[in-house]
All heavy atoms as atom14 arrays in JSON, in Angstrom:
{
  "sequence": "VRVAGSRDVYVYLAAPDPAHPETIRALSLVSVALMESPDFSRALLYG",
  "atom14_mask": [
    [1, 1, 1, 1, 1, 1, 1, 0, 0, 0, 0, 0, 0, 0],
    [1, 1, 1, 1, 1, 1, 1, 1, 1, 1, 1, 0, 0, 0],
    [1, 1, 1, 1, 1, 1, 1, 0, 0, 0, 0, 0, 0, 0],
    [1, 1, 1, 1, 1, 0, 0, 0, 0, 0, 0, 0, 0, 0],
    [1, 1, 1, 1, 0, 0, 0, 0, 0, 0, 0, 0, 0, 0],
    [1, 1, 1, 1, 1, 1, 0, 0, 0, 0, 0, 0, 0, 0],
    [1, 1, 1, 1, 1, 1, 1, 1, 1, 1, 1, 0, 0, 0],
    [1, 1, 1, 1, 1, 1, 1, 1, 0, 0, 0, 0, 0, 0],
    [1, 1, 1, 1, 1, 1, 1, 0, 0, 0, 0, 0, 0, 0],
    [1, 1, 1, 1, 1, 1, 1, 1, 1, 1, 1, 1, 0, 0],
    [1, 1, 1, 1, 1, 1, 1, 0, 0, 0, 0, 0, 0, 0],
    [1, 1, 1, 1, 1, 1, 1, 1, 1, 1, 1, 1, 0, 0],
    [1, 1, 1, 1, 1, 1, 1, 1, 0, 0, 0, 0, 0, 0],
    [1, 1, 1, 1, 1, 0, 0, 0, 0, 0, 0, 0, 0, 0],
    [1, 1, 1, 1, 1, 0, 0, 0, 0, 0, 0, 0, 0, 0],
    [1, 1, 1, 1, 1, 1, 1, 0, 0, 0, 0, 0, 0, 0],
    [1, 1, 1, 1, 1, 1, 1, 1, 0, 0, 0, 0, 0, 0],
    [1, 1, 1, 1, 1, 1, 1, 0, 0, 0, 0, 0, 0, 0],
    [1, 1, 1, 1, 1, 0, 0, 0, 0, 0, 0, 0, 0, 0],
    [1, 1, 1, 1, 1, 1, 1, 1, 1, 1, 0, 0, 0, 0],
    [1, 1, 1, 1, 1, 1, 1, 0, 0, 0, 0, 0, 0, 0],
    [1, 1, 1, 1, 1, 1, 1, 1, 1, 0, 0, 0, 0, 0],
    [1, 1, 1, 1, 1, 1, 1, 0, 0, 0, 0, 0, 0, 0],
    [1, 1, 1, 1, 1, 1, 1, 1, 0, 0, 0, 0, 0, 0],
    [1, 1, 1, 1, 1, 1, 1, 1, 1, 1, 1, 0, 0, 0],
    [1, 1, 1, 1, 1, 0, 0, 0, 0, 0, 0, 0, 0, 0],
    [1, 1, 1, 1, 1, 1, 1, 1, 0, 0, 0, 0, 0, 0],
    [1, 1, 1, 1, 1, 1, 0, 0, 0, 0, 0, 0, 0, 0],
    [1, 1, 1, 1, 1, 1, 1, 1, 0, 0, 0, 0, 0, 0],
    [1, 1, 1, 1, 1, 1, 1, 0, 0, 0, 0, 0, 0, 0],
    [1, 1, 1, 1, 1, 1, 0, 0, 0, 0, 0, 0, 0, 0],
    [1, 1, 1, 1, 1, 1, 1, 0, 0, 0, 0, 0, 0, 0],
    [1, 1, 1, 1, 1, 0, 0, 0, 0, 0, 0, 0, 0, 0],
    [1, 1, 1, 1, 1, 1, 1, 1, 0, 0, 0, 0, 0, 0],
    [1, 1, 1, 1, 1, 1, 1, 1, 0, 0, 0, 0, 0, 0],
    [1, 1, 1, 1, 1, 1, 1, 1, 1, 0, 0, 0, 0, 0],
    [1, 1, 1, 1, 1, 1, 0, 0, 0, 0, 0, 0, 0, 0],
    [1, 1, 1, 1, 1, 1, 1, 0, 0, 0, 0, 0, 0, 0],
    [1, 1, 1, 1, 1, 1, 1, 1, 0, 0, 0, 0, 0, 0],
    [1, 1, 1, 1, 1, 1, 1, 1, 1, 1, 1, 0, 0, 0],
    [1, 1, 1, 1, 1, 1, 0, 0, 0, 0, 0, 0, 0, 0],
    [1, 1, 1, 1, 1, 1, 1, 1, 1, 1, 1, 0, 0, 0],
    [1, 1, 1, 1, 1, 0, 0, 0, 0, 0, 0, 0, 0, 0],
    [1, 1, 1, 1, 1, 1, 1, 1, 0, 0, 0, 0, 0, 0],
    [1, 1, 1, 1, 1, 1, 1, 1, 0, 0, 0, 0, 0, 0],
    [1, 1, 1, 1, 1, 1, 1, 1, 1, 1, 1, 1, 0, 0],
    [1, 1, 1, 1, 0, 0, 0, 0, 0, 0, 0, 0, 0, 0]
  ],
  "atom14_positions": [
    [[51.26, 103.26, -31.02], [52.36, 102.26, -31.32], [51.61, 101.24, -32.3], [50.62, 100.62, -31.82], [52.88, 101.58, -30.11], [53.88, 100.47, -30.51], [53.61, 102.58, -29.16], [0.0, 0.0, 0.0], [0.0, 0.0, 0.0], [0.0, 0.0, 0.0], [0.0, 0.0, 0.0], [0.0, 0.0, 0.0], [0.0, 0.0, 0.0], [0.0, 0.0, 0.0]],
    [[52.18, 101.1, -33.41], [51.72, 100.03, -34.39], [52.8, 98.95, -34.46], [53.97, 99.25, -34.71], [51.5, 100.6, -35.76], [50.46, 101.59, -35.87], [50.35, 102.13, -37.33], [49.33, 103.18, -37.39], [49.35, 104.01, -38.42], [50.23, 103.91, -39.45], [48.47, 104.92, -38.4], [0.0, 0.0, 0.0], [0.0, 0.0, 0.0], [0.0, 0.0, 0.0]],
    [[52.38, 97.74, -34.27], [53.33, 96.63, -34.31], [53.41, 96.16, -35.77], [52.49, 95.79, -36.4], [52.81, 95.47, -33.45], [53.76, 94.34, -33.53], [52.62, 95.9, -32.03], [0.0, 0.0, 0.0], [0.0, 0.0, 0.0], [0.0, 0.0, 0.0], [0.0, 0.0, 0.0], [0.0, 0.0, 0.0], [0.0, 0.0, 0.0], [0.0, 0.0, 0.0]],
    [[54.71, 96.27, -36.32], [55.01, 95.91, -37.65], [54.68, 94.41, -37.93], [54.82, 93.59, -37.07], [56.51, 96.13, -37.94], [0.0, 0.0, 0.0], [0.0, 0.0, 0.0], [0.0, 0.0, 0.0], [0.0, 0.0, 0.0], [0.0, 0.0, 0.0], [0.0, 0.0, 0.0], [0.0, 0.0, 0.0], [0.0, 0.0, 0.0], [0.0, 0.0, 0.0]],
    [[53.98, 94.26, -39.11], [53.6, 92.83, -39.49], [52.34, 92.31, -38.82], [52.03, 91.18, -38.98], [0.0, 0.0, 0.0], [0.0, 0.0, 0.0], [0.0, 0.0, 0.0], [0.0, 0.0, 0.0], [0.0, 0.0, 0.0], [0.0, 0.0, 0.0], [0.0, 0.0, 0.0], [0.0, 0.0, 0.0], [0.0, 0.0, 0.0], [0.0, 0.0, 0.0]],
    [[51.63, 93.17, -38.11], [50.39, 92.75, -37.44], [49.45, 93.94, -37.51], [49.8, 94.98, -37.82], [50.64, 92.29, -36.03], [50.77, 93.32, -35.13], [0.0, 0.0, 0.0], [0.0, 0.0, 0.0], [0.0, 0.0, 0.0], [0.0, 0.0, 0.0], [0.0, 0.0, 0.0], [0.0, 0.0, 0.0], [0.0, 0.0, 0.0], [0.0, 0.0, 0.0]],
    [[48.17, 93.64, -37.07], [47.14, 94.68, -36.98], [47.11, 95.21, -35.54], [46.2, 96.05, -35.26], [45.83, 94.12, -37.42], [45.62, 94.06, -38.78], [44.15, 93.74, -39.11], [43.23, 94.55, -38.19], [42.27, 95.33, -38.5], [42.14, 95.59, -39.85], [41.54, 95.93, -37.6], [0.0, 0.0, 0.0], [0.0, 0.0, 0.0], [0.0, 0.0, 0.0]],
    [[48.03, 94.93, -34.74], [48.07, 95.34, -33.36], [48.37, 96.84, -33.19], [49.46, 97.21, -33.77], [48.96, 94.48, -32.45], [48.57, 93.03, -32.28], [47.42, 92.75, -32.54], [49.42, 92.29, -32.01], [0.0, 0.0, 0.0], [0.0, 0.0, 0.0], [0.0, 0.0, 0.0], [0.0, 0.0, 0.0], [0.0, 0.0, 0.0], [0.0, 0.0, 0.0]],
    [[47.53, 97.59, -32.67], [47.71, 99.07, -32.5], [47.39, 99.39, -31.03], [46.36, 98.95, -30.55], [46.83, 99.9, -33.4], [47.05, 101.36, -33.25], [47.16, 99.46, -34.92], [0.0, 0.0, 0.0], [0.0, 0.0, 0.0], [0.0, 0.0, 0.0], [0.0, 0.0, 0.0], [0.0, 0.0, 0.0], [0.0, 0.0, 0.0], [0.0, 0.0, 0.0]],
    [[48.27, 100.09, -30.46], [48.15, 100.51, -29.03], [48.11, 102.08, -28.92], [49.02, 102.69, -29.53], [49.31, 99.9, -28.17], [49.44, 98.4, -28.33], [50.37, 97.86, -29.2], [48.66, 97.58, -27.64], [50.51, 96.51, -29.29], [48.76, 96.2, -27.7], [49.7, 95.71, -28.53], [49.8, 94.31, -28.69], [0.0, 0.0, 0.0], [0.0, 0.0, 0.0]],
    [[47.2, 102.55, -28.1], [47.08, 103.96, -27.89], [47.48, 104.13, -26.42], [46.95, 103.35, -25.58], [45.68, 104.42, -28.17], [45.59, 105.87, -27.7], [45.37, 104.26, -29.6], [0.0, 0.0, 0.0], [0.0, 0.0, 0.0], [0.0, 0.0, 0.0], [0.0, 0.0, 0.0], [0.0, 0.0, 0.0], [0.0, 0.0, 0.0], [0.0, 0.0, 0.0]],
    [[48.27, 105.13, -26.13], [48.59, 105.42, -24.79], [48.35, 106.88, -24.39], [48.55, 107.78, -25.27], [50.08, 105.03, -24.37], [51.08, 105.74, -25.17], [51.58, 106.99, -24.76], [51.68, 105.22, -26.42], [52.59, 107.62, -25.4], [52.53, 105.89, -27.08], [53.07, 107.09, -26.57], [54.03, 107.74, -27.33], [0.0, 0.0, 0.0], [0.0, 0.0, 0.0]],
    [[47.77, 107.11, -23.26], [47.5, 108.42, -22.75], [47.92, 108.47, -21.3], [47.57, 107.57, -20.54], [45.95, 108.69, -22.79], [45.24, 108.57, -24.13], [43.7, 108.62, -23.91], [45.66, 109.62, -25.11], [0.0, 0.0, 0.0], [0.0, 0.0, 0.0], [0.0, 0.0, 0.0], [0.0, 0.0, 0.0], [0.0, 0.0, 0.0], [0.0, 0.0, 0.0]],
    [[48.68, 109.48, -20.95], [49.18, 109.61, -19.54], [49.14, 111.11, -19.09], [49.51, 111.95, -19.88], [50.61, 109.13, -19.45], [0.0, 0.0, 0.0], [0.0, 0.0, 0.0], [0.0, 0.0, 0.0], [0.0, 0.0, 0.0], [0.0, 0.0, 0.0], [0.0, 0.0, 0.0], [0.0, 0.0, 0.0], [0.0, 0.0, 0.0], [0.0, 0.0, 0.0]],
    [[48.72, 111.26, -17.93], [48.58, 112.64, -17.38], [49.55, 112.69, -16.19], [49.77, 111.64, -15.49], [47.14, 112.98, -16.94], [0.0, 0.0, 0.0], [0.0, 0.0, 0.0], [0.0, 0.0, 0.0], [0.0, 0.0, 0.0], [0.0, 0.0, 0.0], [0.0, 0.0, 0.0], [0.0, 0.0, 0.0], [0.0, 0.0, 0.0], [0.0, 0.0, 0.0]],
    [[50.11, 113.8, -15.89], [50.86, 113.95, -14.68], [49.96, 113.64, -13.38], [48.77, 113.87, -13.49], [51.42, 115.34, -14.66], [50.85, 116.11, -15.85], [50.04, 115.1, -16.56], [0.0, 0.0, 0.0], [0.0, 0.0, 0.0], [0.0, 0.0, 0.0], [0.0, 0.0, 0.0], [0.0, 0.0, 0.0], [0.0, 0.0, 0.0], [0.0, 0.0, 0.0]],
    [[50.55, 113.32, -12.29], [49.82, 113.15, -11.12], [50.56, 113.96, -9.95], [51.67, 113.65, -9.66], [49.78, 111.65, -10.66], [48.86, 111.48, -9.53], [47.99, 112.33, -9.28], [48.98, 110.32, -8.97], [0.0, 0.0, 0.0], [0.0, 0.0, 0.0], [0.0, 0.0, 0.0], [0.0, 0.0, 0.0], [0.0, 0.0, 0.0], [0.0, 0.0, 0.0]],
    [[49.88, 114.97, -9.57], [48.53, 115.55, -9.84], [48.51, 116.18, -11.12], [49.46, 116.62, -11.7], [48.3, 116.41, -8.7], [49.61, 117.04, -8.37], [50.58, 115.85, -8.48], [0.0, 0.0, 0.0], [0.0, 0.0, 0.0], [0.0, 0.0, 0.0], [0.0, 0.0, 0.0], [0.0, 0.0, 0.0], [0.0, 0.0, 0.0], [0.0, 0.0, 0.0]],
    [[47.31, 116.26, -11.72], [47.1, 116.87, -13.07], [45.99, 117.98, -12.92], [45.13, 117.9, -12.07], [46.59, 115.84, -14.04], [0.0, 0.0, 0.0], [0.0, 0.0, 0.0], [0.0, 0.0, 0.0], [0.0, 0.0, 0.0], [0.0, 0.0, 0.0], [0.0, 0.0, 0.0], [0.0, 0.0, 0.0], [0.0, 0.0, 0.0], [0.0, 0.0, 0.0]],
    [[46.21, 118.99, -13.73], [45.26, 120.13, -13.82], [43.98, 119.53, -14.45], [44.03, 118.79, -15.33], [45.88, 121.26, -14.63], [45.09, 122.52, -14.6], [44.0, 122.63, -15.46], [45.25, 123.67, -13.85], [43.52, 123.91, -15.18], [44.19, 124.5, -14.26], [0.0, 0.0, 0.0], [0.0, 0.0, 0.0], [0.0, 0.0, 0.0], [0.0, 0.0, 0.0]],
    [[42.85, 119.98, -14.0], [41.65, 119.53, -14.57], [41.5, 119.67, -16.05], [40.94, 118.77, -16.74], [40.49, 120.37, -13.91], [41.07, 120.76, -12.6], [42.59, 120.89, -12.85], [0.0, 0.0, 0.0], [0.0, 0.0, 0.0], [0.0, 0.0, 0.0], [0.0, 0.0, 0.0], [0.0, 0.0, 0.0], [0.0, 0.0, 0.0], [0.0, 0.0, 0.0]],
    [[42.06, 120.75, -16.66], [42.06, 120.96, -18.09], [42.76, 119.85, -18.75], [42.5, 119.45, -19.84], [42.57, 122.25, -18.48], [41.58, 123.39, -18.13], [40.23, 123.24, -18.89], [40.2, 123.02, -20.08], [39.17, 123.27, -18.21], [0.0, 0.0, 0.0], [0.0, 0.0, 0.0], [0.0, 0.0, 0.0], [0.0, 0.0, 0.0], [0.0, 0.0, 0.0]],
    [[43.91, 119.42, -18.13], [44.66, 118.34, -18.73], [43.91, 116.99, -18.86], [43.78, 116.33, -19.91], [46.04, 118.04, -17.88], [46.77, 119.2, -18.0], [46.79, 116.85, -18.46], [0.0, 0.0, 0.0], [0.0, 0.0, 0.0], [0.0, 0.0, 0.0], [0.0, 0.0, 0.0], [0.0, 0.0, 0.0], [0.0, 0.0, 0.0], [0.0, 0.0, 0.0]],
    [[43.16, 116.67, -17.73], [42.31, 115.51, -17.76], [41.2, 115.63, -18.69], [40.86, 114.69, -19.47], [41.77, 115.2, -16.36], [42.95, 115.04, -15.31], [40.83, 114.08, -16.32], [43.87, 113.96, -15.66], [0.0, 0.0, 0.0], [0.0, 0.0, 0.0], [0.0, 0.0, 0.0], [0.0, 0.0, 0.0], [0.0, 0.0, 0.0], [0.0, 0.0, 0.0]],
    [[40.64, 116.74, -18.85], [39.61, 117.05, -19.8], [40.13, 116.79, -21.24], [39.32, 116.09, -22.0], [38.96, 118.43, -19.68], [37.83, 118.69, -20.61], [37.17, 120.12, -20.35], [36.14, 120.38, -21.22], [36.31, 121.02, -22.42], [37.47, 121.41, -22.78], [35.2, 121.2, -23.24], [0.0, 0.0, 0.0], [0.0, 0.0, 0.0], [0.0, 0.0, 0.0]],
    [[41.33, 117.31, -21.56], [41.82, 117.12, -22.99], [42.0, 115.64, -23.19], [41.65, 115.23, -24.32], [43.08, 117.98, -23.05], [0.0, 0.0, 0.0], [0.0, 0.0, 0.0], [0.0, 0.0, 0.0], [0.0, 0.0, 0.0], [0.0, 0.0, 0.0], [0.0, 0.0, 0.0], [0.0, 0.0, 0.0], [0.0, 0.0, 0.0], [0.0, 0.0, 0.0]],
    [[42.66, 114.93, -22.22], [42.88, 113.57, -22.57], [41.58, 112.7, -22.61], [41.4, 111.87, -23.36], [43.77, 112.9, -21.46], [45.24, 113.52, -21.62], [46.09, 112.92, -20.39], [45.88, 113.11, -22.87], [0.0, 0.0, 0.0], [0.0, 0.0, 0.0], [0.0, 0.0, 0.0], [0.0, 0.0, 0.0], [0.0, 0.0, 0.0], [0.0, 0.0, 0.0]],
    [[40.58, 113.13, -21.77], [39.28, 112.53, -21.93], [38.58, 112.73, -23.29], [38.02, 111.74, -23.76], [38.37, 113.06, -20.81], [38.82, 112.66, -19.5], [0.0, 0.0, 0.0], [0.0, 0.0, 0.0], [0.0, 0.0, 0.0], [0.0, 0.0, 0.0], [0.0, 0.0, 0.0], [0.0, 0.0, 0.0], [0.0, 0.0, 0.0], [0.0, 0.0, 0.0]],
    [[38.83, 113.9, -23.84], [38.32, 114.17, -25.17], [38.89, 113.17, -26.2], [38.12, 112.69, -27.19], [38.49, 115.61, -25.54], [37.52, 116.6, -24.92], [37.97, 118.05, -25.32], [36.14, 116.43, -25.3], [0.0, 0.0, 0.0], [0.0, 0.0, 0.0], [0.0, 0.0, 0.0], [0.0, 0.0, 0.0], [0.0, 0.0, 0.0], [0.0, 0.0, 0.0]],
    [[40.2, 112.95, -26.04], [40.84, 112.0, -26.94], [40.17, 110.64, -26.75], [39.9, 109.87, -27.76], [42.35, 112.03, -26.77], [43.02, 110.92, -27.63], [43.0, 113.34, -27.06], [0.0, 0.0, 0.0], [0.0, 0.0, 0.0], [0.0, 0.0, 0.0], [0.0, 0.0, 0.0], [0.0, 0.0, 0.0], [0.0, 0.0, 0.0], [0.0, 0.0, 0.0]],
    [[40.07, 110.23, -25.47], [39.4, 108.92, -25.27], [38.1, 108.76, -25.83], [37.72, 107.69, -26.38], [39.3, 108.68, -23.73], [40.55, 108.61, -23.12], [0.0, 0.0, 0.0], [0.0, 0.0, 0.0], [0.0, 0.0, 0.0], [0.0, 0.0, 0.0], [0.0, 0.0, 0.0], [0.0, 0.0, 0.0], [0.0, 0.0, 0.0], [0.0, 0.0, 0.0]],
    [[37.29, 109.81, -25.76], [35.83, 109.77, -26.27], [35.98, 109.7, -27.86], [35.23, 108.97, -28.5], [35.14, 110.92, -25.81], [33.82, 111.16, -26.57], [34.91, 111.0, -24.35], [0.0, 0.0, 0.0], [0.0, 0.0, 0.0], [0.0, 0.0, 0.0], [0.0, 0.0, 0.0], [0.0, 0.0, 0.0], [0.0, 0.0, 0.0], [0.0, 0.0, 0.0]],
    [[36.9, 110.41, -28.46], [37.09, 110.39, -29.83], [37.39, 108.96, -30.38], [36.96, 108.46, -31.43], [38.27, 111.35, -30.27], [0.0, 0.0, 0.0], [0.0, 0.0, 0.0], [0.0, 0.0, 0.0], [0.0, 0.0, 0.0], [0.0, 0.0, 0.0], [0.0, 0.0, 0.0], [0.0, 0.0, 0.0], [0.0, 0.0, 0.0], [0.0, 0.0, 0.0]],
    [[38.25, 108.21, -29.53], [38.52, 106.84, -29.89], [37.19, 105.97, -29.98], [37.16, 105.06, -30.7], [39.42, 106.21, -28.8], [40.83, 106.71, -28.9], [41.53, 106.33, -27.66], [41.56, 106.33, -30.14], [0.0, 0.0, 0.0], [0.0, 0.0, 0.0], [0.0, 0.0, 0.0], [0.0, 0.0, 0.0], [0.0, 0.0, 0.0], [0.0, 0.0, 0.0]],
    [[36.24, 106.27, -29.16], [34.96, 105.54, -29.08], [33.96, 106.05, -29.96], [33.11, 105.29, -30.48], [34.49, 105.51, -27.63], [35.36, 104.81, -26.72], [34.77, 104.81, -25.01], [35.7, 106.21, -24.39], [0.0, 0.0, 0.0], [0.0, 0.0, 0.0], [0.0, 0.0, 0.0], [0.0, 0.0, 0.0], [0.0, 0.0, 0.0], [0.0, 0.0, 0.0]],
    [[33.96, 107.42, -30.26], [32.83, 107.93, -31.06], [33.21, 108.25, -32.53], [32.31, 108.41, -33.34], [32.33, 109.24, -30.47], [31.68, 109.01, -29.09], [31.2, 110.36, -28.47], [31.46, 111.37, -29.01], [30.43, 110.22, -27.52], [0.0, 0.0, 0.0], [0.0, 0.0, 0.0], [0.0, 0.0, 0.0], [0.0, 0.0, 0.0], [0.0, 0.0, 0.0]],
    [[34.43, 108.26, -32.86], [34.71, 108.67, -34.22], [35.42, 107.51, -34.96], [36.58, 107.29, -34.83], [35.73, 109.9, -34.14], [36.2, 110.18, -35.51], [0.0, 0.0, 0.0], [0.0, 0.0, 0.0], [0.0, 0.0, 0.0], [0.0, 0.0, 0.0], [0.0, 0.0, 0.0], [0.0, 0.0, 0.0], [0.0, 0.0, 0.0], [0.0, 0.0, 0.0]],
    [[34.67, 106.88, -35.82], [35.23, 105.79, -36.66], [36.36, 106.26, -37.55], [37.38, 105.59, -37.74], [34.12, 105.23, -37.43], [32.91, 105.74, -36.85], [33.21, 107.04, -36.05], [0.0, 0.0, 0.0], [0.0, 0.0, 0.0], [0.0, 0.0, 0.0], [0.0, 0.0, 0.0], [0.0, 0.0, 0.0], [0.0, 0.0, 0.0], [0.0, 0.0, 0.0]],
    [[36.32, 107.5, -38.0], [37.3, 107.97, -38.89], [38.66, 108.24, -38.07], [39.67, 108.0, -38.63], [36.89, 109.44, -39.47], [35.71, 109.27, -40.44], [35.6, 108.1, -41.07], [34.98, 110.22, -40.73], [0.0, 0.0, 0.0], [0.0, 0.0, 0.0], [0.0, 0.0, 0.0], [0.0, 0.0, 0.0], [0.0, 0.0, 0.0], [0.0, 0.0, 0.0]],
    [[38.48, 108.63, -36.87], [39.75, 108.81, -36.09], [40.35, 107.48, -35.74], [41.61, 107.28, -35.88], [39.41, 109.56, -34.73], [40.53, 109.74, -33.8], [41.7, 110.32, -34.24], [40.51, 109.43, -32.51], [42.8, 110.53, -33.41], [41.55, 109.54, -31.63], [42.76, 110.11, -32.06], [0.0, 0.0, 0.0], [0.0, 0.0, 0.0], [0.0, 0.0, 0.0]],
    [[39.54, 106.45, -35.37], [40.12, 105.09, -35.15], [40.75, 104.55, -36.42], [41.76, 103.9, -36.36], [38.94, 104.15, -34.71], [38.43, 104.56, -33.44], [0.0, 0.0, 0.0], [0.0, 0.0, 0.0], [0.0, 0.0, 0.0], [0.0, 0.0, 0.0], [0.0, 0.0, 0.0], [0.0, 0.0, 0.0], [0.0, 0.0, 0.0], [0.0, 0.0, 0.0]],
    [[40.06, 104.72, -37.51], [40.68, 104.28, -38.83], [41.98, 104.97, -39.11], [42.97, 104.31, -39.57], [39.71, 104.46, -40.05], [38.91, 103.24, -40.42], [38.26, 103.43, -41.68], [37.29, 104.56, -41.78], [36.07, 104.59, -41.21], [35.63, 103.55, -40.61], [35.26, 105.66, -41.35], [0.0, 0.0, 0.0], [0.0, 0.0, 0.0], [0.0, 0.0, 0.0]],
    [[42.12, 106.2, -38.82], [43.38, 106.9, -39.03], [44.45, 106.35, -38.08], [45.66, 106.2, -38.48], [43.22, 108.43, -38.74], [0.0, 0.0, 0.0], [0.0, 0.0, 0.0], [0.0, 0.0, 0.0], [0.0, 0.0, 0.0], [0.0, 0.0, 0.0], [0.0, 0.0, 0.0], [0.0, 0.0, 0.0], [0.0, 0.0, 0.0], [0.0, 0.0, 0.0]],
    [[44.12, 106.0, -36.91], [45.12, 105.43, -36.05], [45.64, 104.05, -36.5], [46.73, 103.68, -36.33], [44.53, 105.3, -34.58], [44.23, 106.53, -33.78], [43.51, 106.25, -32.52], [45.58, 107.26, -33.52], [0.0, 0.0, 0.0], [0.0, 0.0, 0.0], [0.0, 0.0, 0.0], [0.0, 0.0, 0.0], [0.0, 0.0, 0.0], [0.0, 0.0, 0.0]],
    [[44.63, 103.3, -37.06], [44.87, 101.92, -37.6], [45.79, 102.0, -38.87], [46.71, 101.23, -39.04], [43.59, 101.14, -37.9], [42.92, 100.74, -36.65], [41.52, 100.28, -36.96], [43.71, 99.56, -35.9], [0.0, 0.0, 0.0], [0.0, 0.0, 0.0], [0.0, 0.0, 0.0], [0.0, 0.0, 0.0], [0.0, 0.0, 0.0], [0.0, 0.0, 0.0]],
    [[45.43, 102.98, -39.77], [46.0, 102.92, -41.11], [46.63, 104.21, -41.61], [47.38, 104.15, -42.57], [44.93, 102.48, -42.12], [44.16, 101.22, -41.75], [42.76, 101.25, -41.33], [44.83, 99.98, -41.79], [42.15, 100.16, -40.99], [44.1, 98.85, -41.45], [42.76, 98.97, -41.04], [42.03, 97.82, -40.72], [0.0, 0.0, 0.0], [0.0, 0.0, 0.0]],
    [[46.29, 105.29, -40.97], [46.73, 106.57, -41.5], [48.14, 107.03, -41.17], [48.83, 106.37, -40.32], [0.0, 0.0, 0.0], [0.0, 0.0, 0.0], [0.0, 0.0, 0.0], [0.0, 0.0, 0.0], [0.0, 0.0, 0.0], [0.0, 0.0, 0.0], [0.0, 0.0, 0.0], [0.0, 0.0, 0.0], [0.0, 0.0, 0.0], [0.0, 0.0, 0.0]]
  ]
}
């Protein structure tokens, strides 16, 4: 979610409860990408 007129950007990730381990693994990979990939973060901010 990007807030119009500001630089505020929110990322949301939700898994069902209970969740299959593969589901948690996939969402965890997205979380890690947010921390390890500046290109991914820039794409979220501006792309």
